[in-house]
Protein backbone atom coordinates (compact mmCIF):
# COMPACT_ATOMS: atom_id res chain seq x y z
CA MET A 1 -23.34 -110.86 30.35
CA LYS A 2 -27.14 -112.40 30.45
CA PRO A 3 -28.59 -110.92 26.80
CA ARG A 4 -31.26 -109.37 28.93
CA PHE A 5 -29.17 -108.30 31.47
CA ARG A 6 -27.38 -106.51 28.91
CA ASN A 7 -29.86 -105.09 27.06
CA THR A 8 -30.92 -103.12 30.50
CA ALA A 9 -27.66 -102.40 30.82
CA LEU A 10 -26.60 -100.22 27.24
CA GLY A 11 -30.44 -98.85 27.74
CA VAL A 12 -29.69 -97.45 30.95
CA ALA A 13 -26.48 -95.56 29.65
CA ALA A 14 -28.13 -94.75 25.67
CA THR A 15 -30.73 -92.62 28.25
CA LEU A 16 -28.15 -91.20 30.72
CA ALA A 17 -25.82 -90.86 27.18
CA SER A 18 -29.10 -87.49 26.75
CA LEU A 19 -29.00 -86.10 30.23
CA PRO A 20 -27.46 -83.39 28.88
CA ALA A 21 -29.37 -82.29 26.63
CA LEU A 22 -32.62 -82.98 28.63
CA CYS A 23 -30.96 -80.79 31.13
CA GLY A 24 -28.35 -78.51 30.40
CA PRO A 25 -28.37 -75.39 28.59
CA MET A 26 -25.97 -76.90 25.81
CA GLY A 27 -26.41 -80.45 24.12
CA PHE A 28 -23.68 -81.90 22.36
CA LYS A 29 -20.75 -81.00 19.95
CA ASP A 30 -21.71 -79.19 17.09
CA SER A 31 -25.63 -79.50 17.59
CA TRP A 32 -27.72 -76.44 18.25
CA MET A 33 -30.03 -76.16 20.76
CA ALA A 34 -33.15 -73.66 20.59
CA MET A 35 -35.16 -73.91 24.33
CA GLY A 36 -38.33 -71.12 24.93
CA ASP A 37 -39.56 -69.88 28.75
CA LEU A 38 -43.23 -68.55 27.61
CA SER A 39 -45.82 -66.92 30.36
CA PRO A 40 -47.36 -63.79 30.49
CA ASN A 41 -45.05 -61.84 32.42
CA TRP A 42 -41.90 -63.73 31.25
CA GLN A 43 -41.02 -64.35 27.59
CA GLU A 44 -37.29 -65.75 26.89
CA VAL A 45 -35.92 -67.77 23.30
CA PHE A 46 -32.55 -68.94 23.37
CA VAL A 47 -30.63 -70.43 20.78
CA ASN A 48 -26.98 -72.30 20.73
CA TYR A 49 -24.20 -74.11 18.92
CA ALA A 50 -21.83 -76.16 20.73
CA LEU A 51 -18.03 -75.81 19.30
CA THR A 52 -17.14 -78.78 21.22
CA PRO A 53 -18.50 -80.62 24.27
CA ARG A 54 -18.12 -78.19 26.95
CA ASP A 55 -18.06 -75.01 25.04
CA ALA A 56 -21.60 -73.51 22.88
CA VAL A 57 -22.23 -69.86 21.84
CA GLY A 58 -25.45 -68.57 21.62
CA ALA A 59 -28.03 -66.08 21.89
CA SER A 60 -31.72 -64.84 23.03
CA THR A 61 -34.32 -62.32 23.68
CA LEU A 62 -35.71 -62.63 27.24
CA SER A 63 -39.38 -60.18 27.46
CA MET A 64 -40.00 -59.30 31.60
CA ARG A 65 -42.75 -57.23 33.40
CA SER A 66 -43.62 -56.97 36.26
CA ASP A 67 -46.39 -58.59 38.94
CA ASP A 68 -47.83 -55.31 39.09
CA GLU A 69 -47.96 -55.21 35.06
CA THR A 70 -46.00 -51.59 35.55
CA LEU A 71 -42.45 -52.30 35.08
CA THR A 72 -41.48 -54.72 31.08
CA ARG A 73 -37.25 -55.33 30.22
CA ARG A 74 -36.78 -56.63 26.87
CA ALA A 75 -32.70 -57.73 27.11
CA ASN A 76 -30.90 -59.04 24.25
CA GLU A 77 -28.16 -61.06 24.48
CA ALA A 78 -24.80 -63.08 23.41
CA VAL A 79 -24.85 -65.62 25.69
CA TYR A 80 -21.58 -68.31 25.87
CA THR A 81 -22.17 -71.56 28.06
CA ARG A 82 -19.53 -73.89 30.03
CA LEU A 83 -19.36 -76.95 31.48
CA LEU A 84 -17.76 -77.17 34.12
CA SER A 85 -17.95 -80.10 35.79
CA ARG A 86 -19.73 -83.74 35.35
CA TRP A 87 -20.12 -86.67 37.30
CA ASN A 88 -20.57 -90.44 35.42
CA MET A 89 -22.00 -92.84 38.23
CA PRO A 90 -23.62 -95.91 36.45
CA ASP A 91 -27.48 -94.87 36.69
CA ALA A 92 -26.78 -91.26 37.20
CA GLN A 93 -24.81 -87.93 36.25
CA ALA A 94 -24.63 -83.45 38.25
CA ASN A 95 -23.45 -81.14 36.35
CA ILE A 96 -22.49 -77.99 36.87
CA TRP A 97 -22.91 -75.61 34.13
CA LEU A 98 -21.71 -71.47 33.46
CA LEU A 99 -23.75 -68.72 31.68
CA ALA A 100 -22.30 -65.28 31.20
CA GLY A 101 -23.85 -63.63 28.65
CA VAL A 102 -23.92 -59.52 27.59
CA GLY A 103 -26.60 -57.54 25.89
CA SER A 104 -28.49 -54.65 26.13
CA VAL A 105 -31.24 -53.81 28.01
CA THR A 106 -34.20 -51.57 27.15
CA GLY A 107 -37.31 -50.48 30.23
CA ASN A 108 -40.48 -48.81 29.42
CA ASP A 109 -39.80 -46.41 32.38
CA PHE A 110 -35.91 -45.00 30.85
CA ALA A 111 -35.24 -44.07 28.09
CA GLY A 112 -32.51 -45.95 25.54
CA ALA A 113 -31.17 -48.51 26.22
CA ARG A 114 -28.23 -50.07 28.72
CA ALA A 115 -25.69 -52.29 28.58
CA LEU A 116 -26.42 -55.81 30.43
CA ALA A 117 -24.13 -57.87 32.30
CA SER A 118 -25.54 -61.63 33.52
CA PRO A 119 -23.27 -64.24 34.80
CA GLY A 120 -24.45 -67.39 36.04
CA LEU A 121 -24.27 -70.90 37.46
CA GLN A 122 -26.58 -74.08 36.79
CA VAL A 123 -26.24 -77.22 38.74
CA ASP A 124 -28.34 -80.66 38.31
CA TYR A 125 -28.61 -84.32 39.02
CA GLU A 126 -30.00 -86.61 37.29
CA THR A 127 -31.37 -90.06 36.95
CA THR A 128 -33.58 -91.75 34.14
CA ARG A 129 -36.95 -91.60 37.37
CA PHE A 130 -35.61 -88.14 38.99
CA TYR A 131 -34.61 -84.68 38.51
CA VAL A 132 -32.91 -81.53 40.75
CA SER A 133 -31.73 -78.84 39.71
CA ALA A 134 -30.86 -75.21 41.14
CA ALA A 135 -29.56 -71.84 39.03
CA ALA A 136 -28.90 -68.01 39.32
CA ARG A 137 -28.48 -65.88 37.20
CA LEU A 138 -27.40 -61.70 37.47
CA TYR A 139 -28.58 -59.27 35.55
CA ARG A 140 -27.30 -56.25 35.72
CA ALA A 141 -27.07 -52.76 34.47
CA ASP A 142 -26.72 -49.32 35.38
CA GLY A 143 -29.14 -49.05 38.53
CA LEU A 144 -31.19 -52.36 37.42
CA ASN A 145 -30.40 -55.13 38.99
CA HIS A 146 -32.95 -58.41 38.89
CA ASP A 147 -30.91 -61.38 39.79
CA TYR A 148 -32.74 -64.21 39.43
CA ALA A 149 -33.28 -67.83 41.09
CA SER A 150 -34.91 -71.11 40.90
CA ALA A 151 -35.09 -74.61 41.72
CA ARG A 152 -36.68 -77.24 40.32
CA ILE A 153 -37.46 -81.08 41.49
CA GLY A 154 -39.39 -83.50 39.22
CA PHE A 155 -40.47 -87.33 38.61
CA SER A 156 -40.84 -90.23 35.75
CA PHE A 157 -43.63 -91.67 36.27
CA TYR A 158 -42.03 -94.76 33.90
CA GLU A 159 -38.97 -95.61 32.47
CA VAL A 160 -39.33 -96.28 28.92
CA ASP A 161 -36.47 -96.93 26.32
CA TYR A 162 -34.37 -95.08 24.70
CA ASP A 163 -36.30 -93.52 21.43
CA GLN A 164 -39.74 -93.24 23.54
CA VAL A 165 -41.38 -90.50 25.29
CA GLN A 166 -41.08 -90.33 28.37
CA PRO A 167 -43.90 -88.42 31.18
CA TRP A 168 -42.36 -86.07 34.40
CA LEU A 169 -43.61 -84.57 36.74
CA VAL A 170 -41.92 -81.05 37.51
CA LEU A 171 -42.34 -78.63 40.57
CA GLU A 172 -40.28 -75.40 40.17
CA ALA A 173 -40.01 -72.33 42.47
CA ARG A 174 -38.33 -68.84 41.07
CA ARG A 175 -37.96 -65.20 41.91
CA MET A 176 -36.53 -62.39 40.13
CA GLN A 177 -35.47 -59.28 42.24
CA GLY A 178 -36.83 -55.93 41.09
CA LEU A 179 -39.98 -57.40 39.47
CA SER A 180 -41.49 -59.68 41.45
CA GLY A 181 -41.86 -59.74 45.56
CA LYS A 182 -43.08 -63.06 45.60
CA THR A 183 -41.76 -66.58 44.53
CA GLU A 184 -43.24 -68.31 41.70
CA LEU A 185 -44.49 -71.95 42.46
CA THR A 186 -45.41 -74.34 39.05
CA PRO A 187 -46.22 -77.78 38.67
CA MET A 188 -45.63 -79.04 35.36
CA LEU A 189 -46.02 -82.20 32.91
CA ARG A 190 -42.81 -82.68 31.14
CA LEU A 191 -42.57 -84.67 28.06
CA ILE A 192 -39.07 -85.84 27.43
CA HIS A 193 -37.54 -87.30 24.32
CA ASN A 194 -34.19 -88.27 23.45
CA ARG A 195 -34.00 -84.93 21.05
CA TYR A 196 -36.40 -82.81 22.31
CA PHE A 197 -39.16 -81.87 25.85
CA VAL A 198 -42.01 -79.62 26.33
CA GLU A 199 -43.78 -78.72 29.60
CA LEU A 200 -46.93 -77.50 30.36
CA GLY A 201 -47.95 -75.92 33.44
CA ILE A 202 -49.96 -73.67 35.49
CA ASN A 203 -48.62 -71.50 38.36
CA THR A 204 -49.71 -69.67 41.98
CA ASP A 205 -50.81 -66.39 40.17
CA ALA A 206 -53.09 -68.79 37.43
CA GLN A 207 -51.00 -68.26 34.61
CA VAL A 208 -50.25 -70.55 31.84
CA ARG A 209 -46.64 -71.36 31.61
CA ALA A 210 -45.17 -73.67 28.32
CA ASN A 211 -41.87 -74.53 27.63
CA PHE A 212 -39.61 -76.55 25.02
CA MET A 213 -36.48 -77.54 23.44
CA TYR A 214 -35.13 -79.14 20.90
CA THR A 215 -31.14 -80.16 20.43
CA PHE A 216 -31.11 -80.59 16.33
């Protein structure tokens, strides 16, 4: 193998090896992952620990507000994450993830806390230049249904080495039952490194969104 081709192949392999930490809800074995999704109507912070290459346990706190700002929810959960399936291709990777949360939810229109369950699935496909994903979570409690769905598509402006920051443009569509009657669209600029990403964008309601992930 010629040195130039070998270095390119190794670079692509190293980049693809880091993809689970960038597009999936857990990192590599024995790693911690912290994630945040912040906007006026949605503030979520999530932390987990990877027990195995396919299993992680963690906790999340989520604050939600309706579009008209009259209803609020606060959910605190323990969350189990499982990599159900993975396909490694020469220049790409695809995954199916299970997320299972249990905890409690409070709101400004009912008294006390209610038991909450939030099972969900995420599927994603990514190369070094293209990314697409879809996710669904069922947020269910007694008398409450805040099911959530989202889809993302993105592309990178250019390829970089494994240890360099790479800029991406990402478009996300998401919707939550019971708190919003419309689909939120958000174009975002994403900056990815091999252990983190940060995203910043403005949604269709002219609200700023900021997301982050860090694996350590």
